[in-house]
């Protein structure tokens, strides 16, 4: 087959067979692609900083019929992530972002909206938006784009608008409910206060880089984060390895 060339984010790169690296890419046109970068573990010149997690690259690779892994031939750096990684809170946040993205990106299936979300989230980090705000935005929209988190405009049970009394979200299925329906339905749910609904409204209206100019209370952000993270973990059916360290570094407590 002829070589393929497309833009991609590097989600992970680990040493394989001493001299090579197993690389996971989120490509713009082909979704998640895994491949071998021959000699990358021993030669800095071969791929260098282009294999930094969440670097944006143009990848050229070869596929063979019947083989799961592609052969990475070249990576052209479009936007580096090394500078971002020098700040420990941001580096911890990005490790979590890349792990979540790897879980939700589908093999060999393009997902342009999620690709744009990842790019916009990284732009927000670069523009100086607080790491916790970037993370909550990314978690919220990861859940929304994959149909596992509500938009909190109306109660999913009675269909009335959610307002001053806040809302609750079901742990079991991500249903958004007004407090009255939550009491009547029963089951475990998490609170979404009026302030948290305001945060979600900002997430729906604004691009993440614009959130630098918006005052978002930490307590309200934490509510959104707890609910969104619970939905992501329920979908993945396992906790994210990087979550505990990320929350420790950002002072958010246990996940």
Protein backbone atom coordinates (compact mmCIF):
# COMPACT_ATOMS: atom_id res chain seq x y z
CA UNK A 1 0.00 0.00 0.00
CA UNK A 2 1.23 3.56 -0.65
CA UNK A 3 2.34 5.63 2.36
CA UNK A 4 -0.24 7.72 4.19
CA UNK A 5 0.43 11.22 5.44
CA UNK A 6 -1.77 13.15 7.85
CA UNK A 7 -1.71 15.52 10.79
CA UNK A 8 -1.73 13.91 14.25
CA UNK A 9 -1.23 14.33 17.97
CA UNK A 10 1.22 12.01 19.73
CA UNK A 11 -0.70 10.35 22.58
CA UNK A 12 2.02 7.99 23.80
CA UNK A 13 5.45 6.64 22.91
CA UNK A 14 7.05 3.78 24.85
CA UNK A 15 10.24 1.79 24.30
CA UNK A 16 9.73 -1.48 22.44
CA UNK A 17 12.46 -4.09 21.86
CA UNK A 18 15.20 -1.82 23.24
CA UNK A 19 15.79 0.26 20.13
CA UNK A 20 12.29 1.01 18.83
CA UNK A 21 9.29 2.88 20.19
CA UNK A 22 5.64 1.91 20.09
CA UNK A 23 3.78 5.11 19.24
CA UNK A 24 0.09 5.90 19.57
CA UNK A 25 -1.18 8.69 17.34
CA UNK A 26 -4.52 10.47 17.19
CA UNK A 27 -4.62 11.27 13.49
CA UNK A 28 -6.91 13.84 11.93
CA UNK A 29 -8.06 11.55 9.12
CA UNK A 30 -7.69 8.01 10.49
CA UNK A 31 -8.46 8.22 14.22
CA UNK A 32 -6.19 6.21 16.51
CA UNK A 33 -3.20 4.64 14.81
CA UNK A 34 -0.51 2.58 16.51
CA UNK A 35 2.86 2.08 14.93
CA UNK A 36 6.52 1.27 15.37
CA UNK A 37 9.16 3.99 15.10
CA UNK A 38 12.26 1.96 14.32
CA UNK A 39 15.44 3.12 16.05
CA UNK A 40 13.64 5.90 17.94
CA UNK A 41 14.71 4.63 21.38
CA UNK A 42 18.40 4.83 20.55
CA UNK A 43 18.71 7.69 18.09
CA UNK A 44 17.71 11.21 19.10
CA UNK A 45 18.17 12.31 15.50
CA UNK A 46 15.65 9.75 14.24
CA UNK A 47 12.55 11.42 15.71
CA UNK A 48 13.78 13.65 18.56
CA UNK A 49 11.20 15.85 20.31
CA UNK A 50 8.58 14.91 17.75
CA UNK A 51 7.63 11.98 19.99
CA UNK A 52 6.90 14.15 23.02
CA UNK A 53 3.41 13.46 24.34
CA UNK A 54 0.84 15.77 22.68
CA UNK A 55 3.23 17.16 20.11
CA UNK A 56 1.38 18.00 16.90
CA UNK A 57 3.03 16.37 13.91
CA UNK A 58 2.55 15.40 10.30
CA UNK A 59 2.99 11.64 10.27
CA UNK A 60 3.97 9.51 7.29
CA UNK A 61 3.40 5.80 7.76
CA UNK A 62 3.00 2.54 5.90
CA UNK A 63 0.31 -0.05 6.48
CA UNK A 64 0.50 -3.73 5.60
CA UNK A 65 -2.66 -5.74 5.13
CA UNK A 66 -3.36 -7.99 8.11
CA UNK A 67 -0.96 -6.14 10.44
CA UNK A 68 -2.26 -4.10 13.37
CA UNK A 69 0.80 -1.86 13.68
CA UNK A 70 1.91 0.56 10.99
CA UNK A 71 5.50 1.51 10.26
CA UNK A 72 6.24 5.13 11.06
CA UNK A 73 8.55 6.53 8.43
CA UNK A 74 8.64 10.22 9.30
CA UNK A 75 7.22 12.74 11.74
CA UNK A 76 7.35 16.42 10.83
CA UNK A 77 6.90 18.68 13.85
CA UNK A 78 4.05 21.17 13.56
CA UNK A 79 3.77 22.33 17.17
CA UNK A 80 5.96 21.18 20.04
CA UNK A 81 4.71 20.34 23.53
CA UNK A 82 8.10 20.34 25.29
CA UNK A 83 7.69 23.91 26.54
CA UNK A 84 4.34 23.08 28.13
CA UNK A 85 5.80 20.03 29.84
CA UNK A 86 8.30 22.17 31.78
CA UNK A 87 5.56 23.33 34.14
CA UNK A 88 4.78 20.47 36.56
CA UNK A 89 1.03 21.16 37.06
CA UNK A 90 0.56 21.50 33.30
CA UNK A 91 2.64 18.37 32.64
CA UNK A 92 0.52 16.39 35.12
CA UNK A 93 -2.65 17.71 33.51
CA UNK A 94 -1.43 16.84 30.01
CA UNK A 95 -0.56 13.28 31.05
CA UNK A 96 -4.19 12.88 32.12
CA UNK A 97 -5.52 14.53 28.95
CA UNK A 98 -3.50 12.21 26.71
CA UNK A 99 -4.58 9.11 28.67
CA UNK A 100 -8.26 10.07 28.48
CA UNK A 101 -7.95 10.88 24.77
CA UNK A 102 -6.31 7.52 24.08
CA UNK A 103 -9.25 5.79 25.77
CA UNK A 104 -11.91 7.65 23.79
CA UNK A 105 -10.33 7.83 20.34
CA UNK A 106 -11.49 4.97 18.11
CA UNK A 107 -9.11 2.76 16.14
CA UNK A 108 -8.88 3.76 12.46
CA UNK A 109 -12.00 5.95 12.72
CA UNK A 110 -11.81 9.70 12.19
CA UNK A 111 -13.33 11.90 14.91
CA UNK A 112 -12.90 15.50 13.70
CA UNK A 113 -14.86 17.12 16.54
CA UNK A 114 -12.77 15.38 19.20
CA UNK A 115 -9.60 16.18 17.27
CA UNK A 116 -10.56 19.87 17.33
CA UNK A 117 -11.36 19.65 21.04
CA UNK A 118 -7.90 18.30 21.82
CA UNK A 119 -6.26 21.04 19.76
CA UNK A 120 -8.38 23.75 21.38
CA UNK A 121 -7.57 22.41 24.86
CA UNK A 122 -3.84 22.53 24.15
CA UNK A 123 -4.20 26.08 22.80
CA UNK A 124 -5.91 27.02 26.08
CA UNK A 125 -2.99 25.65 28.10
CA UNK A 126 -0.60 27.66 25.92
CA UNK A 127 -2.63 30.86 26.34
CA UNK A 128 -2.38 30.65 30.13
CA UNK A 129 -5.83 29.33 31.07
CA UNK A 130 -5.68 27.70 34.51
CA UNK A 131 -4.93 23.94 34.30
CA UNK A 132 -8.03 23.05 36.33
CA UNK A 133 -10.25 25.06 33.96
CA UNK A 134 -8.67 23.39 30.90
CA UNK A 135 -9.20 19.97 32.44
CA UNK A 136 -12.82 20.54 33.39
CA UNK A 137 -13.56 21.86 29.89
CA UNK A 138 -11.87 18.84 28.32
CA UNK A 139 -13.66 16.37 30.60
CA UNK A 140 -17.05 18.00 30.02
CA UNK A 141 -16.74 18.01 26.24
CA UNK A 142 -15.22 14.53 26.11
CA UNK A 143 -18.35 13.29 27.84
CA UNK A 144 -20.69 15.39 25.68
CA UNK A 145 -19.11 14.41 22.35
CA UNK A 146 -19.28 10.73 23.25
CA UNK A 147 -22.84 10.85 24.48
CA UNK A 148 -22.18 9.93 28.11
CA UNK A 149 -22.66 13.30 29.82
CA UNK A 150 -25.71 15.59 29.69
CA UNK A 151 -25.77 19.23 28.63
CA UNK A 152 -27.78 20.24 31.75
CA UNK A 153 -30.22 22.46 29.89
CA UNK A 154 -33.33 20.52 30.97
CA UNK A 155 -34.21 17.70 33.36
CA UNK A 156 -34.03 14.41 31.46
CA UNK A 157 -37.03 13.13 33.44
CA UNK A 158 -39.62 15.94 33.60
CA UNK A 159 -38.10 18.03 30.75
CA UNK A 160 -38.29 21.27 32.75
CA UNK A 161 -35.45 23.78 32.47
CA UNK A 162 -32.75 23.47 35.11
CA UNK A 163 -32.31 26.73 36.97
CA UNK A 164 -31.75 28.27 40.39
CA UNK A 165 -32.31 25.02 42.28
CA UNK A 166 -29.42 23.34 40.47
CA UNK A 167 -29.41 19.73 39.33
CA UNK A 168 -28.13 16.26 40.05
CA UNK A 169 -26.50 13.79 37.68
CA UNK A 170 -26.95 10.02 37.99
CA UNK A 171 -23.75 8.02 38.46
CA UNK A 172 -25.32 4.97 36.82
CA UNK A 173 -26.33 6.44 33.46
CA UNK A 174 -25.43 10.14 33.37
CA UNK A 175 -29.03 11.33 33.54
CA UNK A 176 -29.42 15.01 34.44
CA UNK A 177 -32.28 15.62 36.85
CA UNK A 178 -33.84 18.44 38.78
CA UNK A 179 -33.60 17.91 42.57
CA UNK A 180 -37.28 16.82 42.75
CA UNK A 181 -36.90 14.09 40.10
CA UNK A 182 -33.61 12.98 41.64
CA UNK A 183 -35.33 12.43 45.00
CA UNK A 184 -38.19 10.53 43.38
CA UNK A 185 -35.93 8.42 41.15
CA UNK A 186 -33.47 7.47 43.87
CA UNK A 187 -30.04 5.98 43.23
CA UNK A 188 -26.65 7.57 43.66
CA UNK A 189 -26.23 10.98 42.10
CA UNK A 190 -23.86 13.93 42.32
CA UNK A 191 -24.90 17.57 42.88
CA UNK A 192 -24.58 20.24 40.23
CA UNK A 193 -25.22 23.56 41.94
CA UNK A 194 -26.40 26.78 40.34
CA UNK A 195 -22.78 27.90 40.23
CA UNK A 196 -21.73 24.67 38.51
CA UNK A 197 -24.52 25.13 35.95
CA UNK A 198 -23.01 28.57 35.29
CA UNK A 199 -19.62 26.94 34.64
CA UNK A 200 -21.23 24.48 32.22
CA UNK A 201 -22.98 27.33 30.43
CA UNK A 202 -19.59 29.03 29.94
CA UNK A 203 -18.19 25.77 28.57
CA UNK A 204 -21.05 25.51 26.08
CA UNK A 205 -20.71 29.11 24.86
CA UNK A 206 -16.99 29.79 24.82
CA UNK A 207 -13.85 28.35 23.30
CA UNK A 208 -11.44 27.20 26.03
CA UNK A 209 -8.83 29.89 25.34
CA UNK A 210 -11.50 32.55 26.03
CA UNK A 211 -11.98 31.17 29.55
CA UNK A 212 -8.83 32.98 30.63
CA UNK A 213 -10.95 36.12 31.00
CA UNK A 214 -13.82 34.42 32.87
CA UNK A 215 -13.98 34.02 36.66
CA UNK A 216 -14.95 30.40 37.36
CA UNK A 217 -15.21 29.53 41.07
CA UNK A 218 -13.04 26.60 42.14
CA UNK A 219 -15.85 24.94 44.12
CA UNK A 220 -18.20 25.01 41.11
CA UNK A 221 -15.44 23.75 38.84
CA UNK A 222 -14.80 20.91 41.27
CA UNK A 223 -18.47 19.86 41.09
CA UNK A 224 -18.36 19.73 37.30
CA UNK A 225 -15.06 17.87 37.40
CA UNK A 226 -16.25 15.25 39.87
CA UNK A 227 -19.38 14.50 37.85
CA UNK A 228 -17.64 14.49 34.45
CA UNK A 229 -14.73 12.39 35.69
CA UNK A 230 -17.16 9.85 37.17
CA UNK A 231 -18.86 9.55 33.77
CA UNK A 232 -15.53 9.03 31.98
CA UNK A 233 -14.41 6.38 34.45
CA UNK A 234 -17.77 4.59 34.21
CA UNK A 235 -17.45 4.48 30.42
CA UNK A 236 -13.82 3.30 30.50
CA UNK A 237 -14.65 0.78 33.26
CA UNK A 238 -11.35 1.52 35.00
CA UNK A 239 -9.68 4.49 36.71
CA UNK A 240 -7.15 6.52 34.78
CA UNK A 241 -3.59 5.87 35.95
CA UNK A 242 -2.54 9.53 35.76
CA UNK A 243 -5.58 10.87 37.60
CA UNK A 244 -4.34 10.54 41.18
CA UNK A 245 -0.99 12.21 40.48
CA UNK A 246 -2.66 14.97 38.48
CA UNK A 247 -5.12 15.72 41.29
CA UNK A 248 -2.37 15.63 43.89
CA UNK A 249 -0.24 18.12 41.96
CA UNK A 250 -3.23 20.42 41.36
CA UNK A 251 -4.31 20.12 45.00
CA UNK A 252 -7.64 18.51 44.15
CA UNK A 253 -7.42 15.53 46.50
CA UNK A 254 -8.19 11.96 45.55
CA UNK A 255 -10.00 11.08 42.33
